[in-house]
Amino acid sequence: LGKPSTLDPQHCQSFNHTVIKHHFKFLKKVIEEKEIPWENIYNMDEKGCQ
């Protein structure tokens, strides 16, 4: 495991309700269109994917 790095201030500024809402609507659309099963969905946060 690597050492976690700090979050870039510009990323913090772009983190707002409108952007997040759009992201999750788009994510839902892709999951439904591609019929991605829940067991193939992994944890993500502001730093990356696990």
N, C-alpha and C. Protein backbone atom coordinates (compact mmCIF):
# COMPACT_ATOMS: atom_id res chain seq x y z
N LEU A 1 0.83 -1.19 0.00
CA LEU A 1 0.00 0.00 0.00
C LEU A 1 0.87 1.25 0.00
N GLY A 2 0.46 2.22 -0.78
CA GLY A 2 1.20 3.47 -0.84
C GLY A 2 0.72 4.46 0.19
N LYS A 3 1.51 5.49 0.38
CA LYS A 3 1.14 6.56 1.31
C LYS A 3 0.12 7.47 0.63
N PRO A 4 -0.99 7.79 1.30
CA PRO A 4 -1.99 8.66 0.68
C PRO A 4 -1.43 10.06 0.46
N SER A 5 -1.83 10.68 -0.64
CA SER A 5 -1.40 12.05 -0.91
C SER A 5 -2.54 13.01 -0.59
N THR A 6 -2.20 14.28 -0.51
CA THR A 6 -3.22 15.28 -0.20
C THR A 6 -4.06 15.59 -1.44
N LEU A 7 -5.25 16.08 -1.21
CA LEU A 7 -6.16 16.43 -2.30
C LEU A 7 -5.78 17.79 -2.87
N ASP A 8 -5.69 17.87 -4.18
CA ASP A 8 -5.36 19.11 -4.88
C ASP A 8 -6.44 20.16 -4.61
N PRO A 9 -6.07 21.39 -4.23
CA PRO A 9 -7.07 22.43 -3.96
C PRO A 9 -8.02 22.69 -5.13
N GLN A 10 -7.55 22.57 -6.36
CA GLN A 10 -8.43 22.77 -7.51
C GLN A 10 -9.50 21.69 -7.59
N HIS A 11 -9.16 20.48 -7.18
CA HIS A 11 -10.17 19.41 -7.14
C HIS A 11 -11.23 19.73 -6.09
N CYS A 12 -10.81 20.29 -4.97
CA CYS A 12 -11.77 20.66 -3.92
C CYS A 12 -12.74 21.72 -4.42
N GLN A 13 -12.24 22.68 -5.19
CA GLN A 13 -13.10 23.76 -5.69
C GLN A 13 -14.14 23.24 -6.67
N SER A 14 -13.81 22.21 -7.44
CA SER A 14 -14.75 21.68 -8.43
C SER A 14 -15.74 20.69 -7.81
N PHE A 15 -15.57 20.38 -6.54
CA PHE A 15 -16.43 19.43 -5.84
C PHE A 15 -17.65 20.19 -5.31
N ASN A 16 -18.73 20.19 -6.09
CA ASN A 16 -19.94 20.87 -5.66
C ASN A 16 -21.16 20.02 -6.00
N HIS A 17 -22.30 20.42 -5.47
CA HIS A 17 -23.53 19.63 -5.60
C HIS A 17 -23.91 19.37 -7.06
N THR A 18 -23.81 20.37 -7.90
CA THR A 18 -24.21 20.23 -9.31
C THR A 18 -23.33 19.21 -10.03
N VAL A 19 -22.03 19.30 -9.82
CA VAL A 19 -21.09 18.38 -10.48
C VAL A 19 -21.33 16.95 -10.00
N ILE A 20 -21.50 16.78 -8.69
CA ILE A 20 -21.70 15.44 -8.12
C ILE A 20 -23.02 14.85 -8.61
N LYS A 21 -24.07 15.65 -8.62
CA LYS A 21 -25.38 15.17 -9.09
C LYS A 21 -25.30 14.71 -10.54
N HIS A 22 -24.65 15.51 -11.38
CA HIS A 22 -24.47 15.15 -12.79
C HIS A 22 -23.67 13.85 -12.93
N HIS A 23 -22.61 13.73 -12.15
CA HIS A 23 -21.77 12.53 -12.20
C HIS A 23 -22.58 11.27 -11.91
N PHE A 24 -23.37 11.30 -10.84
CA PHE A 24 -24.11 10.10 -10.46
C PHE A 24 -25.28 9.80 -11.39
N LYS A 25 -25.88 10.81 -12.00
CA LYS A 25 -26.90 10.56 -13.03
C LYS A 25 -26.26 9.86 -14.23
N PHE A 26 -25.10 10.37 -14.64
CA PHE A 26 -24.39 9.78 -15.77
C PHE A 26 -23.94 8.36 -15.43
N LEU A 27 -23.41 8.16 -14.23
CA LEU A 27 -22.97 6.84 -13.80
C LEU A 27 -24.14 5.85 -13.82
N LYS A 28 -25.29 6.25 -13.30
CA LYS A 28 -26.47 5.38 -13.30
C LYS A 28 -26.87 5.00 -14.72
N LYS A 29 -26.86 5.98 -15.63
CA LYS A 29 -27.21 5.74 -17.02
C LYS A 29 -26.27 4.71 -17.65
N VAL A 30 -24.98 4.85 -17.43
CA VAL A 30 -24.00 3.92 -18.00
C VAL A 30 -24.19 2.52 -17.41
N ILE A 31 -24.38 2.43 -16.10
CA ILE A 31 -24.57 1.13 -15.45
C ILE A 31 -25.80 0.43 -16.03
N GLU A 32 -26.88 1.17 -16.23
CA GLU A 32 -28.10 0.57 -16.77
C GLU A 32 -27.94 0.20 -18.25
N GLU A 33 -27.36 1.09 -19.04
CA GLU A 33 -27.19 0.81 -20.48
C GLU A 33 -26.26 -0.37 -20.73
N LYS A 34 -25.20 -0.45 -19.97
CA LYS A 34 -24.21 -1.52 -20.16
C LYS A 34 -24.54 -2.78 -19.36
N GLU A 35 -25.63 -2.70 -18.57
CA GLU A 35 -26.07 -3.83 -17.73
C GLU A 35 -24.93 -4.37 -16.88
N ILE A 36 -24.27 -3.46 -16.18
CA ILE A 36 -23.15 -3.83 -15.32
C ILE A 36 -23.70 -4.40 -14.01
N PRO A 37 -23.33 -5.64 -13.66
CA PRO A 37 -23.83 -6.23 -12.42
C PRO A 37 -23.19 -5.57 -11.19
N TRP A 38 -23.94 -5.53 -10.08
CA TRP A 38 -23.46 -4.87 -8.86
C TRP A 38 -22.14 -5.43 -8.38
N GLU A 39 -21.89 -6.73 -8.59
CA GLU A 39 -20.63 -7.31 -8.11
C GLU A 39 -19.42 -6.80 -8.89
N ASN A 40 -19.64 -6.09 -9.99
CA ASN A 40 -18.54 -5.51 -10.76
C ASN A 40 -18.38 -4.01 -10.51
N ILE A 41 -19.02 -3.51 -9.48
CA ILE A 41 -18.91 -2.09 -9.13
C ILE A 41 -18.06 -1.98 -7.86
N TYR A 42 -17.03 -1.14 -7.92
CA TYR A 42 -16.07 -1.03 -6.83
C TYR A 42 -16.11 0.34 -6.18
N ASN A 43 -15.48 0.45 -5.02
CA ASN A 43 -15.44 1.68 -4.25
C ASN A 43 -14.56 2.73 -4.92
N MET A 44 -15.07 3.99 -4.97
CA MET A 44 -14.27 5.10 -5.47
C MET A 44 -14.41 6.27 -4.51
N ASP A 45 -13.35 7.06 -4.41
CA ASP A 45 -13.42 8.29 -3.64
C ASP A 45 -12.73 9.39 -4.43
N GLU A 46 -12.51 10.53 -3.80
CA GLU A 46 -11.92 11.67 -4.51
C GLU A 46 -10.48 11.42 -4.96
N LYS A 47 -9.85 10.39 -4.45
CA LYS A 47 -8.45 10.11 -4.78
C LYS A 47 -8.29 9.00 -5.82
N GLY A 48 -9.30 8.17 -6.02
CA GLY A 48 -9.14 7.10 -6.99
C GLY A 48 -10.11 5.96 -6.77
N CYS A 49 -9.74 4.82 -7.29
CA CYS A 49 -10.60 3.64 -7.28
C CYS A 49 -9.93 2.52 -6.52
N GLN A 50 -10.70 1.76 -5.77
CA GLN A 50 -10.16 0.62 -5.03
C GLN A 50 -10.75 -0.66 -5.59
